[in-house]
Amino acid sequence: MLFRKLTSAIVALTIVAAPAAAQSASAGRSAEPAPAQSELGGSSTLLLVAAIAAFGIAVLFLTDKDEDQPVSA
């Protein structure tokens, strides 16, 4: 019974102390501006055109009326 209470107390202390420790560790850091703009966030015009084309093709295939008559009657 004592071991269970001791374990519970240690877990509770850890849960309470973890955010405080994390906050004090990041207090010494300061934000700095990025040296250059990332090239990954460029224009997405080509991606937009490709998405619209894919959507149009999907709609075309999904709404295509299959009017072929079966061979066997």
PDB file of N, CA and C in Angstrom:
ATOM      1  N   MET A   1       0.828  -1.185   0.000  1.00  0.00           N
ATOM      2  CA  MET A   1       0.000   0.000   0.000  1.00  0.00           C
ATOM      3  C   MET A   1       0.877   1.254   0.000  1.00  0.00           C
ATOM      4  N   LEU A   2       1.932   1.227   0.766  1.00  0.00           N
ATOM      5  CA  LEU A   2       2.847   2.366   0.829  1.00  0.00           C
ATOM      6  C   LEU A   2       3.526   2.583  -0.526  1.00  0.00           C
ATOM      7  N   PHE A   3       3.900   1.471  -1.182  1.00  0.00           N
ATOM      8  CA  PHE A   3       4.546   1.574  -2.490  1.00  0.00           C
ATOM      9  C   PHE A   3       3.610   2.212  -3.517  1.00  0.00           C
ATOM     10  N   ARG A   4       2.340   1.847  -3.474  1.00  0.00           N
ATOM     11  CA  ARG A   4       1.356   2.396  -4.414  1.00  0.00           C
ATOM     12  C   ARG A   4       1.184   3.900  -4.189  1.00  0.00           C
ATOM     13  N   LYS A   5       1.122   4.340  -2.940  1.00  0.00           N
ATOM     14  CA  LYS A   5       0.978   5.766  -2.638  1.00  0.00           C
ATOM     15  C   LYS A   5       2.230   6.534  -3.042  1.00  0.00           C
ATOM     16  N   LEU A   6       3.390   5.941  -2.798  1.00  0.00           N
ATOM     17  CA  LEU A   6       4.641   6.588  -3.168  1.00  0.00           C
ATOM     18  C   LEU A   6       4.744   6.735  -4.692  1.00  0.00           C
ATOM     19  N   THR A   7       4.355   5.690  -5.403  1.00  0.00           N
ATOM     20  CA  THR A   7       4.374   5.748  -6.863  1.00  0.00           C
ATOM     21  C   THR A   7       3.404   6.806  -7.380  1.00  0.00           C
ATOM     22  N   SER A   8       2.228   6.874  -6.810  1.00  0.00           N
ATOM     23  CA  SER A   8       1.248   7.881  -7.216  1.00  0.00           C
ATOM     24  C   SER A   8       1.758   9.288  -6.945  1.00  0.00           C
ATOM     25  N   ALA A   9       2.421   9.485  -5.832  1.00  0.00           N
ATOM     26  CA  ALA A   9       2.965  10.806  -5.489  1.00  0.00           C
ATOM     27  C   ALA A   9       4.075  11.209  -6.462  1.00  0.00           C
ATOM     28  N   ILE A  10       4.907  10.264  -6.834  1.00  0.00           N
ATOM     29  CA  ILE A  10       5.992  10.566  -7.772  1.00  0.00           C
ATOM     30  C   ILE A  10       5.428  10.909  -9.146  1.00  0.00           C
ATOM     31  N   VAL A  11       4.425  10.161  -9.585  1.00  0.00           N
ATOM     32  CA  VAL A  11       3.804  10.437 -10.880  1.00  0.00           C
ATOM     33  C   VAL A  11       3.140  11.810 -10.864  1.00  0.00           C
ATOM     34  N   ALA A  12       2.445  12.147  -9.793  1.00  0.00           N
ATOM     35  CA  ALA A  12       1.789  13.451  -9.694  1.00  0.00           C
ATOM     36  C   ALA A  12       2.820  14.578  -9.700  1.00  0.00           C
ATOM     37  N   LEU A  13       3.912  14.404  -8.991  1.00  0.00           N
ATOM     38  CA  LEU A  13       4.973  15.411  -8.969  1.00  0.00           C
ATOM     39  C   LEU A  13       5.591  15.586 -10.351  1.00  0.00           C
ATOM     40  N   THR A  14       5.779  14.499 -11.059  1.00  0.00           N
ATOM     41  CA  THR A  14       6.338  14.572 -12.405  1.00  0.00           C
ATOM     42  C   THR A  14       5.403  15.306 -13.346  1.00  0.00           C
ATOM     43  N   ILE A  15       4.108  15.019 -13.238  1.00  0.00           N
ATOM     44  CA  ILE A  15       3.125  15.688 -14.102  1.00  0.00           C
ATOM     45  C   ILE A  15       3.090  17.183 -13.827  1.00  0.00           C
ATOM     46  N   VAL A  16       3.201  17.569 -12.596  1.00  0.00           N
ATOM     47  CA  VAL A  16       3.166  18.987 -12.233  1.00  0.00           C
ATOM     48  C   VAL A  16       4.476  19.683 -12.598  1.00  0.00           C
ATOM     49  N   ALA A  17       5.607  19.011 -12.442  1.00  0.00           N
ATOM     50  CA  ALA A  17       6.905  19.646 -12.641  1.00  0.00           C
ATOM     51  C   ALA A  17       7.323  19.719 -14.107  1.00  0.00           C
ATOM     52  N   ALA A  18       6.826  18.845 -14.957  1.00  0.00           N
ATOM     53  CA  ALA A  18       7.280  18.795 -16.350  1.00  0.00           C
ATOM     54  C   ALA A  18       7.021  20.094 -17.111  1.00  0.00           C
ATOM     55  N   PRO A  19       5.825  20.697 -17.060  1.00  0.00           N
ATOM     56  CA  PRO A  19       5.626  21.956 -17.792  1.00  0.00           C
ATOM     57  C   PRO A  19       6.496  23.096 -17.268  1.00  0.00           C
ATOM     58  N   ALA A  20       6.694  23.139 -15.981  1.00  0.00           N
ATOM     59  CA  ALA A  20       7.529  24.201 -15.418  1.00  0.00           C
ATOM     60  C   ALA A  20       8.977  24.043 -15.868  1.00  0.00           C
ATOM     61  N   ALA A  21       9.468  22.821 -15.914  1.00  0.00           N
ATOM     62  CA  ALA A  21      10.836  22.579 -16.365  1.00  0.00           C
ATOM     63  C   ALA A  21      10.990  22.913 -17.844  1.00  0.00           C
ATOM     64  N   ALA A  22       9.997  22.585 -18.626  1.00  0.00           N
ATOM     65  CA  ALA A  22      10.062  22.885 -20.061  1.00  0.00           C
ATOM     66  C   ALA A  22      10.012  24.385 -20.318  1.00  0.00           C
ATOM     67  N   GLN A  23       9.229  25.106 -19.532  1.00  0.00           N
ATOM     68  CA  GLN A  23       9.127  26.549 -19.701  1.00  0.00           C
ATOM     69  C   GLN A  23      10.432  27.235 -19.320  1.00  0.00           C
ATOM     70  N   SER A  24      11.066  26.801 -18.265  1.00  0.00           N
ATOM     71  CA  SER A  24      12.310  27.434 -17.849  1.00  0.00           C
ATOM     72  C   SER A  24      13.444  27.098 -18.810  1.00  0.00           C
ATOM     73  N   ALA A  25      13.384  25.957 -19.461  1.00  0.00           N
ATOM     74  CA  ALA A  25      14.429  25.602 -20.420  1.00  0.00           C
ATOM     75  C   ALA A  25      14.343  26.468 -21.669  1.00  0.00           C
ATOM     76  N   SER A  26      13.155  26.866 -22.084  1.00  0.00           N
ATOM     77  CA  SER A  26      13.015  27.663 -23.301  1.00  0.00           C
ATOM     78  C   SER A  26      13.061  29.164 -23.027  1.00  0.00           C
ATOM     79  N   ALA A  27      13.222  29.579 -21.783  1.00  0.00           N
ATOM     80  CA  ALA A  27      13.221  31.005 -21.456  1.00  0.00           C
ATOM     81  C   ALA A  27      14.462  31.706 -21.979  1.00  0.00           C
ATOM     82  N   GLY A  28      15.573  30.991 -22.123  1.00  0.00           N
ATOM     83  CA  GLY A  28      16.818  31.595 -22.579  1.00  0.00           C
ATOM     84  C   GLY A  28      16.890  31.760 -24.085  1.00  0.00           C
ATOM     85  N   ARG A  29      15.988  31.178 -24.814  1.00  0.00           N
ATOM     86  CA  ARG A  29      16.012  31.265 -26.272  1.00  0.00           C
ATOM     87  C   ARG A  29      15.314  32.532 -26.736  1.00  0.00           C
ATOM     88  N   SER A  30      15.778  33.076 -27.831  1.00  0.00           N
ATOM     89  CA  SER A  30      15.118  34.252 -28.405  1.00  0.00           C
ATOM     90  C   SER A  30      14.835  33.985 -29.878  1.00  0.00           C
ATOM     91  N   ALA A  31      13.821  34.618 -30.380  1.00  0.00           N
ATOM     92  CA  ALA A  31      13.441  34.438 -31.775  1.00  0.00           C
ATOM     93  C   ALA A  31      14.306  35.300 -32.669  1.00  0.00           C
ATOM     94  N   GLU A  32      14.721  34.741 -33.784  1.00  0.00           N
ATOM     95  CA  GLU A  32      15.500  35.486 -34.762  1.00  0.00           C
ATOM     96  C   GLU A  32      14.814  35.383 -36.117  1.00  0.00           C
ATOM     97  N   PRO A  33      14.908  36.420 -36.914  1.00  0.00           N
ATOM     98  CA  PRO A  33      14.291  36.345 -38.246  1.00  0.00           C
ATOM     99  C   PRO A  33      15.029  35.333 -39.125  1.00  0.00           C
ATOM    100  N   ALA A  34      14.323  34.749 -40.056  1.00  0.00           N
ATOM    101  CA  ALA A  34      14.923  33.795 -40.980  1.00  0.00           C
ATOM    102  C   ALA A  34      15.860  34.537 -41.922  1.00  0.00           C
ATOM    103  N   PRO A  35      16.999  33.950 -42.246  1.00  0.00           N
ATOM    104  CA  PRO A  35      17.958  34.659 -43.097  1.00  0.00           C
ATOM    105  C   PRO A  35      17.466  34.849 -44.530  1.00  0.00           C
ATOM    106  N   ALA A  36      16.682  33.927 -45.035  1.00  0.00           N
ATOM    107  CA  ALA A  36      16.172  34.055 -46.401  1.00  0.00           C
ATOM    108  C   ALA A  36      14.817  33.365 -46.477  1.00  0.00           C
ATOM    109  N   GLN A  37      14.035  33.786 -47.435  1.00  0.00           N
ATOM    110  CA  GLN A  37      12.715  33.191 -47.593  1.00  0.00           C
ATOM    111  C   GLN A  37      12.863  31.794 -48.197  1.00  0.00           C
ATOM    112  N   SER A  38      12.058  30.876 -47.718  1.00  0.00           N
ATOM    113  CA  SER A  38      12.098  29.509 -48.217  1.00  0.00           C
ATOM    114  C   SER A  38      11.594  29.450 -49.652  1.00  0.00           C
ATOM    115  N   GLU A  39      12.232  28.625 -50.461  1.00  0.00           N
ATOM    116  CA  GLU A  39      11.812  28.475 -51.851  1.00  0.00           C
ATOM    117  C   GLU A  39      10.706  27.441 -51.985  1.00  0.00           C
ATOM    118  N   LEU A  40      10.388  26.710 -50.922  1.00  0.00           N
ATOM    119  CA  LEU A  40       9.358  25.690 -50.989  1.00  0.00           C
ATOM    120  C   LEU A  40       7.961  26.290 -51.017  1.00  0.00           C
ATOM    121  N   GLY A  41       7.786  27.490 -50.554  1.00  0.00           N
ATOM    122  CA  GLY A  41       6.468  28.108 -50.497  1.00  0.00           C
ATOM    123  C   GLY A  41       6.156  28.946 -51.711  1.00  0.00           C
ATOM    124  N   GLY A  42       6.602  28.537 -52.853  1.00  0.00           N
ATOM    125  CA  GLY A  42       6.417  29.313 -54.068  1.00  0.00           C
ATOM    126  C   GLY A  42       4.998  29.268 -54.591  1.00  0.00           C
ATOM    127  N   SER A  43       4.836  29.676 -55.822  1.00  0.00           N
ATOM    128  CA  SER A  43       3.535  29.752 -56.461  1.00  0.00           C
ATOM    129  C   SER A  43       2.977  28.352 -56.675  1.00  0.00           C
ATOM    130  N   SER A  44       1.704  28.204 -56.430  1.00  0.00           N
ATOM    131  CA  SER A  44       1.070  26.902 -56.579  1.00  0.00           C
ATOM    132  C   SER A  44       0.082  26.898 -57.732  1.00  0.00           C
ATOM    133  N   THR A  45       0.327  27.717 -58.738  1.00  0.00           N
ATOM    134  CA  THR A  45      -0.583  27.806 -59.880  1.00  0.00           C
ATOM    135  C   THR A  45      -0.630  26.487 -60.638  1.00  0.00           C
ATOM    136  N   LEU A  46       0.513  25.874 -60.854  1.00  0.00           N
ATOM    137  CA  LEU A  46       0.561  24.607 -61.571  1.00  0.00           C
ATOM    138  C   LEU A  46      -0.188  23.525 -60.801  1.00  0.00           C
ATOM    139  N   LEU A  47      -0.023  23.499 -59.494  1.00  0.00           N
ATOM    140  CA  LEU A  47      -0.730  22.529 -58.666  1.00  0.00           C
ATOM    141  C   LEU A  47      -2.235  22.754 -58.720  1.00  0.00           C
ATOM    142  N   LEU A  48      -2.663  23.999 -58.727  1.00  0.00           N
ATOM    143  CA  LEU A  48      -4.091  24.323 -58.810  1.00  0.00           C
ATOM    144  C   LEU A  48      -4.674  23.875 -60.149  1.00  0.00           C
ATOM    145  N   VAL A  49      -3.971  24.119 -61.223  1.00  0.00           N
ATOM    146  CA  VAL A  49      -4.436  23.707 -62.544  1.00  0.00           C
ATOM    147  C   VAL A  49      -4.515  22.188 -62.627  1.00  0.00           C
ATOM    148  N   ALA A  50      -3.522  21.493 -62.082  1.00  0.00           N
ATOM    149  CA  ALA A  50      -3.528  20.029 -62.096  1.00  0.00           C
ATOM    150  C   ALA A  50      -4.685  19.479 -61.266  1.00  0.00           C
ATOM    151  N   ALA A  51      -4.970  20.100 -60.134  1.00  0.00           N
ATOM    152  CA  ALA A  51      -6.078  19.644 -59.289  1.00  0.00           C
ATOM    153  C   ALA A  51      -7.419  19.856 -59.983  1.00  0.00           C
ATOM    154  N   ILE A  52      -7.591  20.977 -60.652  1.00  0.00           N
ATOM    155  CA  ILE A  52      -8.837  21.243 -61.376  1.00  0.00           C
ATOM    156  C   ILE A  52      -9.006  20.256 -62.525  1.00  0.00           C
ATOM    157  N   ALA A  53      -7.921  19.967 -63.235  1.00  0.00           N
ATOM    158  CA  ALA A  53      -7.985  19.009 -64.338  1.00  0.00           C
ATOM    159  C   ALA A  53      -8.322  17.616 -63.823  1.00  0.00           C
ATOM    160  N   ALA A  54      -7.710  17.208 -62.715  1.00  0.00           N
ATOM    161  CA  ALA A  54      -7.996  15.891 -62.137  1.00  0.00           C
ATOM    162  C   ALA A  54      -9.447  15.810 -61.689  1.00  0.00           C
ATOM    163  N   PHE A  55      -9.959  16.879 -61.119  1.00  0.00           N
ATOM    164  CA  PHE A  55     -11.352  16.907 -60.687  1.00  0.00           C
ATOM    165  C   PHE A  55     -12.287  16.791 -61.892  1.00  0.00           C
ATOM    166  N   GLY A  56     -11.987  17.497 -62.956  1.00  0.00           N
ATOM    167  CA  GLY A  56     -12.804  17.442 -64.168  1.00  0.00           C
ATOM    168  C   GLY A  56     -12.804  16.055 -64.793  1.00  0.00           C
ATOM    169  N   ILE A  57     -11.646  15.415 -64.847  1.00  0.00           N
ATOM    170  CA  ILE A  57     -11.561  14.061 -65.394  1.00  0.00           C
ATOM    171  C   ILE A  57     -12.329  13.081 -64.519  1.00  0.00           C
ATOM    172  N   ALA A  58     -12.234  13.230 -63.208  1.00  0.00           N
ATOM    173  CA  ALA A  58     -12.969  12.348 -62.295  1.00  0.00           C
ATOM    174  C   ALA A  58     -14.476  12.514 -62.478  1.00  0.00           C
ATOM    175  N   VAL A  59     -14.934  13.743 -62.616  1.00  0.00           N
ATOM    176  CA  VAL A  59     -16.364  13.984 -62.831  1.00  0.00           C
ATOM    177  C   VAL A  59     -16.796  13.380 -64.158  1.00  0.00           C
ATOM    178  N   LEU A  60     -15.979  13.506 -65.184  1.00  0.00           N
ATOM    179  CA  LEU A  60     -16.294  12.947 -66.497  1.00  0.00           C
ATOM    180  C   LEU A  60     -16.448  11.431 -66.419  1.00  0.00           C
ATOM    181  N   PHE A  61     -15.534  10.756 -65.754  1.00  0.00           N
ATOM    182  CA  PHE A  61     -15.619   9.299 -65.644  1.00  0.00           C
ATOM    183  C   PHE A  61     -16.771   8.853 -64.756  1.00  0.00           C
ATOM    184  N   LEU A  62     -17.058   9.602 -63.716  1.00  0.00           N
ATOM    185  CA  LEU A  62     -18.121   9.192 -62.800  1.00  0.00           C
ATOM    186  C   LEU A  62     -19.513   9.443 -63.368  1.00  0.00           C
ATOM    187  N   THR A  63     -19.658  10.420 -64.239  1.00  0.00           N
ATOM    188  CA  THR A  63     -20.976  10.736 -64.785  1.00  0.00           C
ATOM    189  C   THR A  63     -21.189  10.164 -66.179  1.00  0.00           C
ATOM    190  N   ASP A  64     -20.215   9.422 -66.689  1.00  0.00           N
ATOM    191  CA  ASP A  64     -20.338   8.829 -68.012  1.00  0.00           C
ATOM    192  C   ASP A  64     -21.455   7.788 -68.000  1.00  0.00           C
ATOM    193  N   LYS A  65     -22.438   7.976 -68.886  1.00  0.00           N
ATOM    194  CA  LYS A  65     -23.551   7.037 -68.979  1.00  0.00           C
ATOM    195  C   LYS A  65     -23.090   5.818 -69.769  1.00  0.00           C
ATOM    196  N   ASP A  66     -23.176   4.697 -69.153  1.00  0.00           N
ATOM    197  CA  ASP A  66     -22.773   3.458 -69.794  1.00  0.00           C
ATOM    198  C   ASP A  66     -23.986   2.880 -70.505  1.00  0.00           C
ATOM    199  N   GLU A  67     -24.174   3.282 -71.762  1.00  0.00           N
ATOM    200  CA  GLU A  67     -25.369   2.906 -72.503  1.00  0.00           C
ATOM    201  C   GLU A  67     -25.156   1.705 -73.405  1.00  0.00           C
ATOM    202  N   ASP A  68     -24.140   0.938 -73.193  1.00  0.00           N
ATOM    203  CA  ASP A  68     -23.912  -0.265 -73.980  1.00  0.00           C
ATOM    204  C   ASP A  68     -24.981  -1.291 -73.651  1.00  0.00           C
ATOM    205  N   GLN A  69     -25.542  -1.885 -74.669  1.00  0.00           N
ATOM    206  CA  GLN A  69     -26.557  -2.914 -74.493  1.00  0.00           C
ATOM    207  C   GLN A  69     -25.872  -4.260 -74.265  1.00  0.00           C
ATOM    208  N   PRO A  70     -26.404  -5.058 -73.353  1.00  0.00           N
ATOM    209  CA  PRO A  70     -25.800  -6.363 -73.133  1.00  0.00           C
ATOM    210  C   PRO A  70     -26.002  -7.261 -74.359  1.00  0.00           C
ATOM    211  N   VAL A  71     -25.059  -8.164 -74.610  1.00  0.00           N
ATOM    212  CA  VAL A  71     -25.122  -9.047 -75.766  1.00  0.00           C
ATOM    213  C   VAL A  71     -26.190 -10.112 -75.572  1.00  0.00           C
ATOM    214  N   SER A  72     -26.276 -10.658 -74.378  1.00  0.00           N
ATOM    215  CA  SER A  72     -27.294 -11.683 -74.125  1.00  0.00           C
ATOM    216  C   SER A  72     -28.598 -11.024 -73.730  1.00  0.00           C
ATOM    217  N   ALA A  73     -29.694 -11.599 -74.208  1.00  0.00           N
ATOM    218  CA  ALA A  73     -30.992 -10.993 -73.920  1.00  0.00           C
ATOM    219  C   ALA A  73     -31.863 -11.899 -73.097  1.00  0.00           C
TER     220      ALA A  73
END
